[in-house]
Amino acid sequence: MTVIADEKMRVVIPGANPGDKFELSSPSPEQVLLTRLEAGQPAFSTGQLVRDPKTGLLVWTGDVGEDDADAVIRNRANDE
């Protein structure tokens, strides 16, 4: 199969869908290799907003999808 780049150096890949991710590698100067990457899990948090009875402010409870450093900072803020 032959594809041709347009004036903006774009190429249409048959079978590709909007949002598909590809890894681009060049094994040699004459070759370009595209590898389709698997779709990752959506980064949605699981939890809910609840009103804090003491302050009346909305607080997120549940998984917030944060890494360990963010969790430490958040926990230190809650300890004060």
PDB file of N, CA and C in Angstrom:
ATOM      1  N   MET A   1       0.845  -1.165   0.000  1.00  0.00           N
ATOM      2  CA  MET A   1       0.000   0.000   0.000  1.00  0.00           C
ATOM      3  C   MET A   1       0.897   1.237   0.000  1.00  0.00           C
ATOM      4  N   THR A   2       0.539   2.208  -0.779  1.00  0.00           N
ATOM      5  CA  THR A   2       1.289   3.454  -0.875  1.00  0.00           C
ATOM      6  C   THR A   2       0.402   4.595  -0.396  1.00  0.00           C
ATOM      7  N   VAL A   3       0.966   5.438   0.462  1.00  0.00           N
ATOM      8  CA  VAL A   3       0.277   6.646   0.900  1.00  0.00           C
ATOM      9  C   VAL A   3       1.164   7.830   0.547  1.00  0.00           C
ATOM     10  N   ILE A   4       0.551   8.973   0.305  1.00  0.00           N
ATOM     11  CA  ILE A   4       1.291  10.166  -0.099  1.00  0.00           C
ATOM     12  C   ILE A   4       0.992  11.284   0.898  1.00  0.00           C
ATOM     13  N   ALA A   5       2.040  11.971   1.343  1.00  0.00           N
ATOM     14  CA  ALA A   5       1.887  13.092   2.264  1.00  0.00           C
ATOM     15  C   ALA A   5       1.377  14.303   1.507  1.00  0.00           C
ATOM     16  N   ASP A   6       0.502  15.091   2.158  1.00  0.00           N
ATOM     17  CA  ASP A   6       0.010  16.308   1.525  1.00  0.00           C
ATOM     18  C   ASP A   6       0.980  17.458   1.782  1.00  0.00           C
ATOM     19  N   GLU A   7       0.581  18.675   1.401  1.00  0.00           N
ATOM     20  CA  GLU A   7       1.479  19.824   1.522  1.00  0.00           C
ATOM     21  C   GLU A   7       1.809  20.171   2.975  1.00  0.00           C
ATOM     22  N   LYS A   8       0.995  19.707   3.922  1.00  0.00           N
ATOM     23  CA  LYS A   8       1.273  19.943   5.345  1.00  0.00           C
ATOM     24  C   LYS A   8       1.958  18.748   5.993  1.00  0.00           C
ATOM     25  N   MET A   9       2.487  17.822   5.183  1.00  0.00           N
ATOM     26  CA  MET A   9       3.205  16.624   5.623  1.00  0.00           C
ATOM     27  C   MET A   9       2.318  15.693   6.440  1.00  0.00           C
ATOM     28  N   ARG A  10       1.028  15.590   6.094  1.00  0.00           N
ATOM     29  CA  ARG A  10       0.109  14.685   6.766  1.00  0.00           C
ATOM     30  C   ARG A  10      -0.133  13.469   5.893  1.00  0.00           C
ATOM     31  N   VAL A  11      -0.304  12.331   6.545  1.00  0.00           N
ATOM     32  CA  VAL A  11      -0.581  11.078   5.848  1.00  0.00           C
ATOM     33  C   VAL A  11      -1.801  10.452   6.510  1.00  0.00           C
ATOM     34  N   VAL A  12      -2.740   9.966   5.703  1.00  0.00           N
ATOM     35  CA  VAL A  12      -3.912   9.277   6.221  1.00  0.00           C
ATOM     36  C   VAL A  12      -3.576   7.796   6.333  1.00  0.00           C
ATOM     37  N   ILE A  13      -3.766   7.237   7.524  1.00  0.00           N
ATOM     38  CA  ILE A  13      -3.483   5.827   7.757  1.00  0.00           C
ATOM     39  C   ILE A  13      -4.803   5.066   7.674  1.00  0.00           C
ATOM     40  N   PRO A  14      -4.960   4.199   6.684  1.00  0.00           N
ATOM     41  CA  PRO A  14      -6.194   3.425   6.584  1.00  0.00           C
ATOM     42  C   PRO A  14      -6.384   2.554   7.837  1.00  0.00           C
ATOM     43  N   GLY A  15      -7.592   2.526   8.334  1.00  0.00           N
ATOM     44  CA  GLY A  15      -7.885   1.726   9.523  1.00  0.00           C
ATOM     45  C   GLY A  15      -7.651   2.449  10.832  1.00  0.00           C
ATOM     46  N   ALA A  16      -7.081   3.652  10.798  1.00  0.00           N
ATOM     47  CA  ALA A  16      -6.863   4.416  12.026  1.00  0.00           C
ATOM     48  C   ALA A  16      -8.128   5.185  12.373  1.00  0.00           C
ATOM     49  N   ASN A  17      -8.384   5.314  13.655  1.00  0.00           N
ATOM     50  CA  ASN A  17      -9.536   6.055  14.151  1.00  0.00           C
ATOM     51  C   ASN A  17      -9.060   7.310  14.866  1.00  0.00           C
ATOM     52  N   PRO A  18      -9.895   8.334  14.947  1.00  0.00           N
ATOM     53  CA  PRO A  18      -9.500   9.521  15.704  1.00  0.00           C
ATOM     54  C   PRO A  18      -9.145   9.160  17.143  1.00  0.00           C
ATOM     55  N   GLY A  19      -8.025   9.671  17.618  1.00  0.00           N
ATOM     56  CA  GLY A  19      -7.587   9.404  18.979  1.00  0.00           C
ATOM     57  C   GLY A  19      -6.663   8.202  19.113  1.00  0.00           C
ATOM     58  N   ASP A  20      -6.469   7.416  18.048  1.00  0.00           N
ATOM     59  CA  ASP A  20      -5.533   6.296  18.118  1.00  0.00           C
ATOM     60  C   ASP A  20      -4.122   6.824  18.331  1.00  0.00           C
ATOM     61  N   LYS A  21      -3.331   6.090  19.108  1.00  0.00           N
ATOM     62  CA  LYS A  21      -1.957   6.487  19.377  1.00  0.00           C
ATOM     63  C   LYS A  21      -1.013   5.508  18.699  1.00  0.00           C
ATOM     64  N   PHE A  22       0.062   6.053  18.133  1.00  0.00           N
ATOM     65  CA  PHE A  22       1.054   5.250  17.448  1.00  0.00           C
ATOM     66  C   PHE A  22       2.442   5.614  17.950  1.00  0.00           C
ATOM     67  N   GLU A  23       3.315   4.628  18.008  1.00  0.00           N
ATOM     68  CA  GLU A  23       4.715   4.875  18.320  1.00  0.00           C
ATOM     69  C   GLU A  23       5.454   4.945  16.997  1.00  0.00           C
ATOM     70  N   LEU A  24       6.283   5.961  16.826  1.00  0.00           N
ATOM     71  CA  LEU A  24       7.037   6.158  15.600  1.00  0.00           C
ATOM     72  C   LEU A  24       8.488   5.796  15.867  1.00  0.00           C
ATOM     73  N   SER A  25       9.034   4.902  15.065  1.00  0.00           N
ATOM     74  CA  SER A  25      10.450   4.557  15.188  1.00  0.00           C
ATOM     75  C   SER A  25      11.053   4.495  13.791  1.00  0.00           C
ATOM     76  N   SER A  26      12.359   4.736  13.713  1.00  0.00           N
ATOM     77  CA  SER A  26      13.078   4.700  12.438  1.00  0.00           C
ATOM     78  C   SER A  26      14.229   3.715  12.545  1.00  0.00           C
ATOM     79  N   PRO A  27      14.010   2.460  12.135  1.00  0.00           N
ATOM     80  CA  PRO A  27      15.086   1.478  12.201  1.00  0.00           C
ATOM     81  C   PRO A  27      16.270   1.856  11.308  1.00  0.00           C
ATOM     82  N   SER A  28      16.008   2.557  10.214  1.00  0.00           N
ATOM     83  CA  SER A  28      17.069   3.039   9.328  1.00  0.00           C
ATOM     84  C   SER A  28      16.588   4.344   8.707  1.00  0.00           C
ATOM     85  N   PRO A  29      17.484   5.101   8.074  1.00  0.00           N
ATOM     86  CA  PRO A  29      17.053   6.374   7.476  1.00  0.00           C
ATOM     87  C   PRO A  29      16.001   6.207   6.382  1.00  0.00           C
ATOM     88  N   GLU A  30      15.934   5.036   5.761  1.00  0.00           N
ATOM     89  CA  GLU A  30      14.970   4.813   4.689  1.00  0.00           C
ATOM     90  C   GLU A  30      13.643   4.266   5.181  1.00  0.00           C
ATOM     91  N   GLN A  31      13.564   3.858   6.440  1.00  0.00           N
ATOM     92  CA  GLN A  31      12.358   3.207   6.943  1.00  0.00           C
ATOM     93  C   GLN A  31      11.742   3.993   8.091  1.00  0.00           C
ATOM     94  N   VAL A  32      10.426   3.961   8.134  1.00  0.00           N
ATOM     95  CA  VAL A  32       9.661   4.519   9.251  1.00  0.00           C
ATOM     96  C   VAL A  32       8.685   3.440   9.670  1.00  0.00           C
ATOM     97  N   LEU A  33       8.649   3.137  10.962  1.00  0.00           N
ATOM     98  CA  LEU A  33       7.782   2.080  11.476  1.00  0.00           C
ATOM     99  C   LEU A  33       6.789   2.683  12.460  1.00  0.00           C
ATOM    100  N   LEU A  34       5.509   2.472  12.190  1.00  0.00           N
ATOM    101  CA  LEU A  34       4.447   2.911  13.098  1.00  0.00           C
ATOM    102  C   LEU A  34       3.882   1.688  13.792  1.00  0.00           C
ATOM    103  N   THR A  35       3.777   1.746  15.107  1.00  0.00           N
ATOM    104  CA  THR A  35       3.181   0.668  15.878  1.00  0.00           C
ATOM    105  C   THR A  35       2.009   1.238  16.649  1.00  0.00           C
ATOM    106  N   ARG A  36       0.827   0.641  16.454  1.00  0.00           N
ATOM    107  CA  ARG A  36      -0.360   1.109  17.172  1.00  0.00           C
ATOM    108  C   ARG A  36      -0.233   0.729  18.641  1.00  0.00           C
ATOM    109  N   LEU A  37      -0.449   1.689  19.522  1.00  0.00           N
ATOM    110  CA  LEU A  37      -0.401   1.442  20.960  1.00  0.00           C
ATOM    111  C   LEU A  37      -1.794   1.089  21.445  1.00  0.00           C
ATOM    112  N   GLU A  38      -1.858   0.236  22.447  1.00  0.00           N
ATOM    113  CA  GLU A  38      -3.153  -0.144  23.005  1.00  0.00           C
ATOM    114  C   GLU A  38      -3.746   1.027  23.770  1.00  0.00           C
ATOM    115  N   ALA A  39      -5.042   1.106  23.734  1.00  0.00           N
ATOM    116  CA  ALA A  39      -5.735   2.169  24.461  1.00  0.00           C
ATOM    117  C   ALA A  39      -5.593   1.925  25.959  1.00  0.00           C
ATOM    118  N   GLY A  40      -5.255   2.974  26.687  1.00  0.00           N
ATOM    119  CA  GLY A  40      -5.123   2.866  28.132  1.00  0.00           C
ATOM    120  C   GLY A  40      -6.470   2.982  28.818  1.00  0.00           C
ATOM    121  N   GLN A  41      -6.465   2.784  30.104  1.00  0.00           N
ATOM    122  CA  GLN A  41      -7.677   2.938  30.887  1.00  0.00           C
ATOM    123  C   GLN A  41      -8.001   4.418  31.018  1.00  0.00           C
ATOM    124  N   PRO A  42      -9.263   4.793  30.954  1.00  0.00           N
ATOM    125  CA  PRO A  42      -9.613   6.191  31.172  1.00  0.00           C
ATOM    126  C   PRO A  42      -9.226   6.640  32.576  1.00  0.00           C
ATOM    127  N   ALA A  43      -8.829   7.871  32.706  1.00  0.00           N
ATOM    128  CA  ALA A  43      -8.348   8.381  33.987  1.00  0.00           C
ATOM    129  C   ALA A  43      -9.483   9.037  34.767  1.00  0.00           C
ATOM    130  N   PHE A  44     -10.544   8.291  35.011  1.00  0.00           N
ATOM    131  CA  PHE A  44     -11.653   8.819  35.782  1.00  0.00           C
ATOM    132  C   PHE A  44     -11.461   8.476  37.257  1.00  0.00           C
ATOM    133  N   SER A  45     -11.768   9.390  38.110  1.00  0.00           N
ATOM    134  CA  SER A  45     -11.694   9.156  39.542  1.00  0.00           C
ATOM    135  C   SER A  45     -12.997   8.525  40.013  1.00  0.00           C
ATOM    136  N   THR A  46     -12.881   7.701  41.023  1.00  0.00           N
ATOM    137  CA  THR A  46     -14.089   7.131  41.615  1.00  0.00           C
ATOM    138  C   THR A  46     -14.235   7.722  43.007  1.00  0.00           C
ATOM    139  N   GLY A  47     -15.296   8.366  43.232  1.00  0.00           N
ATOM    140  CA  GLY A  47     -15.540   9.003  44.515  1.00  0.00           C
ATOM    141  C   GLY A  47     -16.749   9.906  44.396  1.00  0.00           C
ATOM    142  N   GLN A  48     -16.898  10.752  45.393  1.00  0.00           N
ATOM    143  CA  GLN A  48     -18.039  11.654  45.367  1.00  0.00           C
ATOM    144  C   GLN A  48     -17.728  12.908  46.166  1.00  0.00           C
ATOM    145  N   LEU A  49     -18.482  13.956  45.880  1.00  0.00           N
ATOM    146  CA  LEU A  49     -18.392  15.185  46.650  1.00  0.00           C
ATOM    147  C   LEU A  49     -19.392  15.118  47.793  1.00  0.00           C
ATOM    148  N   VAL A  50     -18.912  15.381  48.989  1.00  0.00           N
ATOM    149  CA  VAL A  50     -19.800  15.419  50.157  1.00  0.00           C
ATOM    150  C   VAL A  50     -19.519  16.711  50.921  1.00  0.00           C
ATOM    151  N   ARG A  51     -20.515  17.176  51.626  1.00  0.00           N
ATOM    152  CA  ARG A  51     -20.355  18.395  52.408  1.00  0.00           C
ATOM    153  C   ARG A  51     -19.792  18.039  53.783  1.00  0.00           C
ATOM    154  N   ASP A  52     -18.687  18.702  54.150  1.00  0.00           N
ATOM    155  CA  ASP A  52     -18.061  18.494  55.453  1.00  0.00           C
ATOM    156  C   ASP A  52     -18.979  19.086  56.518  1.00  0.00           C
ATOM    157  N   PRO A  53     -19.415  18.280  57.502  1.00  0.00           N
ATOM    158  CA  PRO A  53     -20.353  18.799  58.506  1.00  0.00           C
ATOM    159  C   PRO A  53     -19.756  19.904  59.378  1.00  0.00           C
ATOM    160  N   LYS A  54     -18.439  19.907  59.576  1.00  0.00           N
ATOM    161  CA  LYS A  54     -17.814  20.922  60.436  1.00  0.00           C
ATOM    162  C   LYS A  54     -17.694  22.266  59.734  1.00  0.00           C
ATOM    163  N   THR A  55     -17.222  22.254  58.468  1.00  0.00           N
ATOM    164  CA  THR A  55     -16.936  23.503  57.775  1.00  0.00           C
ATOM    165  C   THR A  55     -18.009  23.891  56.773  1.00  0.00           C
ATOM    166  N   GLY A  56     -18.811  22.934  56.338  1.00  0.00           N
ATOM    167  CA  GLY A  56     -19.826  23.210  55.337  1.00  0.00           C
ATOM    168  C   GLY A  56     -19.269  23.252  53.918  1.00  0.00           C
ATOM    169  N   LEU A  57     -17.983  22.941  53.760  1.00  0.00           N
ATOM    170  CA  LEU A  57     -17.357  22.959  52.439  1.00  0.00           C
ATOM    171  C   LEU A  57     -17.510  21.611  51.753  1.00  0.00           C
ATOM    172  N   LEU A  58     -17.490  21.624  50.429  1.00  0.00           N
ATOM    173  CA  LEU A  58     -17.525  20.375  49.685  1.00  0.00           C
ATOM    174  C   LEU A  58     -16.150  19.733  49.712  1.00  0.00           C
ATOM    175  N   VAL A  59     -16.114  18.416  49.949  1.00  0.00           N
ATOM    176  CA  VAL A  59     -14.864  17.669  50.050  1.00  0.00           C
ATOM    177  C   VAL A  59     -14.982  16.439  49.161  1.00  0.00           C
ATOM    178  N   TRP A  60     -13.929  16.152  48.388  1.00  0.00           N
ATOM    179  CA  TRP A  60     -13.907  14.965  47.545  1.00  0.00           C
ATOM    180  C   TRP A  60     -13.490  13.770  48.390  1.00  0.00           C
ATOM    181  N   THR A  61     -14.276  12.700  48.354  1.00  0.00           N
ATOM    182  CA  THR A  61     -13.927  11.482  49.065  1.00  0.00           C
ATOM    183  C   THR A  61     -13.820  10.356  48.062  1.00  0.00           C
ATOM    184  N   GLY A  62     -12.971   9.417  48.332  1.00  0.00           N
ATOM    185  CA  GLY A  62     -12.781   8.295  47.426  1.00  0.00           C
ATOM    186  C   GLY A  62     -11.470   8.418  46.686  1.00  0.00           C
ATOM    187  N   ASP A  63     -11.299   7.583  45.674  1.00  0.00           N
ATOM    188  CA  ASP A  63     -10.073   7.561  44.895  1.00  0.00           C
ATOM    189  C   ASP A  63      -9.987   8.811  44.045  1.00  0.00           C
ATOM    190  N   VAL A  64      -8.867   9.513  44.148  1.00  0.00           N
ATOM    191  CA  VAL A  64      -8.678  10.710  43.350  1.00  0.00           C
ATOM    192  C   VAL A  64      -7.624  10.513  42.273  1.00  0.00           C
ATOM    193  N   GLY A  65      -7.095   9.296  42.115  1.00  0.00           N
ATOM    194  CA  GLY A  65      -6.138   9.009  41.070  1.00  0.00           C
ATOM    195  C   GLY A  65      -4.829   9.752  41.221  1.00  0.00           C
ATOM    196  N   GLU A  66      -4.359   9.940  42.436  1.00  0.00           N
ATOM    197  CA  GLU A  66      -3.142  10.705  42.663  1.00  0.00           C
ATOM    198  C   GLU A  66      -1.976   9.769  42.920  1.00  0.00           C
ATOM    199  N   ASP A  67      -0.783  10.267  42.715  1.00  0.00           N
ATOM    200  CA  ASP A  67       0.384   9.452  43.034  1.00  0.00           C
ATOM    201  C   ASP A  67       0.749   9.628  44.501  1.00  0.00           C
ATOM    202  N   ASP A  68       1.750   8.900  44.960  1.00  0.00           N
ATOM    203  CA  ASP A  68       2.089   8.869  46.387  1.00  0.00           C
ATOM    204  C   ASP A  68       2.467  10.240  46.937  1.00  0.00           C
ATOM    205  N   ALA A  69       3.217  11.044  46.169  1.00  0.00           N
ATOM    206  CA  ALA A  69       3.638  12.360  46.663  1.00  0.00           C
ATOM    207  C   ALA A  69       2.433  13.259  46.905  1.00  0.00           C
ATOM    208  N   ASP A  70       1.450  13.222  46.000  1.00  0.00           N
ATOM    209  CA  ASP A  70       0.254  14.037  46.188  1.00  0.00           C
ATOM    210  C   ASP A  70      -0.537  13.585  47.409  1.00  0.00           C
ATOM    211  N   ALA A  71      -0.573  12.284  47.654  1.00  0.00           N
ATOM    212  CA  ALA A  71      -1.296  11.761  48.805  1.00  0.00           C
ATOM    213  C   ALA A  71      -0.646  12.227  50.106  1.00  0.00           C
ATOM    214  N   VAL A  72       0.670  12.264  50.155  1.00  0.00           N
ATOM    215  CA  VAL A  72       1.380  12.717  51.361  1.00  0.00           C
ATOM    216  C   VAL A  72       1.063  14.184  51.620  1.00  0.00           C
ATOM    217  N   ILE A  73       1.102  15.003  50.584  1.00  0.00           N
ATOM    218  CA  ILE A  73       0.816  16.432  50.754  1.00  0.00           C
ATOM    219  C   ILE A  73      -0.619  16.632  51.215  1.00  0.00           C
ATOM    220  N   ARG A  74      -1.556  15.892  50.613  1.00  0.00           N
ATOM    221  CA  ARG A  74      -2.956  16.032  50.990  1.00  0.00           C
ATOM    222  C   ARG A  74      -3.177  15.601  52.437  1.00  0.00           C
ATOM    223  N   ASN A  75      -2.539  14.508  52.844  1.00  0.00           N
ATOM    224  CA  ASN A  75      -2.701  14.022  54.218  1.00  0.00           C
ATOM    225  C   ASN A  75      -2.097  15.000  55.218  1.00  0.00           C
ATOM    226  N   ARG A  76      -0.982  15.611  54.891  1.00  0.00           N
ATOM    227  CA  ARG A  76      -0.369  16.603  55.798  1.00  0.00           C
ATOM    228  C   ARG A  76      -1.295  17.807  55.953  1.00  0.00           C
ATOM    229  N   ALA A  77      -1.944  18.217  54.878  1.00  0.00           N
ATOM    230  CA  ALA A  77      -2.859  19.351  54.948  1.00  0.00           C
ATOM    231  C   ALA A  77      -4.048  19.018  55.825  1.00  0.00           C
ATOM    232  N   ASN A  78      -4.526  17.770  55.790  1.00  0.00           N
ATOM    233  CA  ASN A  78      -5.666  17.382  56.609  1.00  0.00           C
ATOM    234  C   ASN A  78      -5.289  17.234  58.076  1.00  0.00           C
ATOM    235  N   ASP A  79      -4.012  16.977  58.399  1.00  0.00           N
ATOM    236  CA  ASP A  79      -3.584  16.816  59.781  1.00  0.00           C
ATOM    237  C   ASP A  79      -3.537  18.131  60.535  1.00  0.00           C
ATOM    238  N   GLU A  80      -3.380  19.224  59.818  1.00  0.00           N
ATOM    239  CA  GLU A  80      -3.245  20.536  60.496  1.00  0.00           C
ATOM    240  C   GLU A  80      -4.561  21.070  60.977  1.00  0.00           C
TER     241      GLU A  80
END
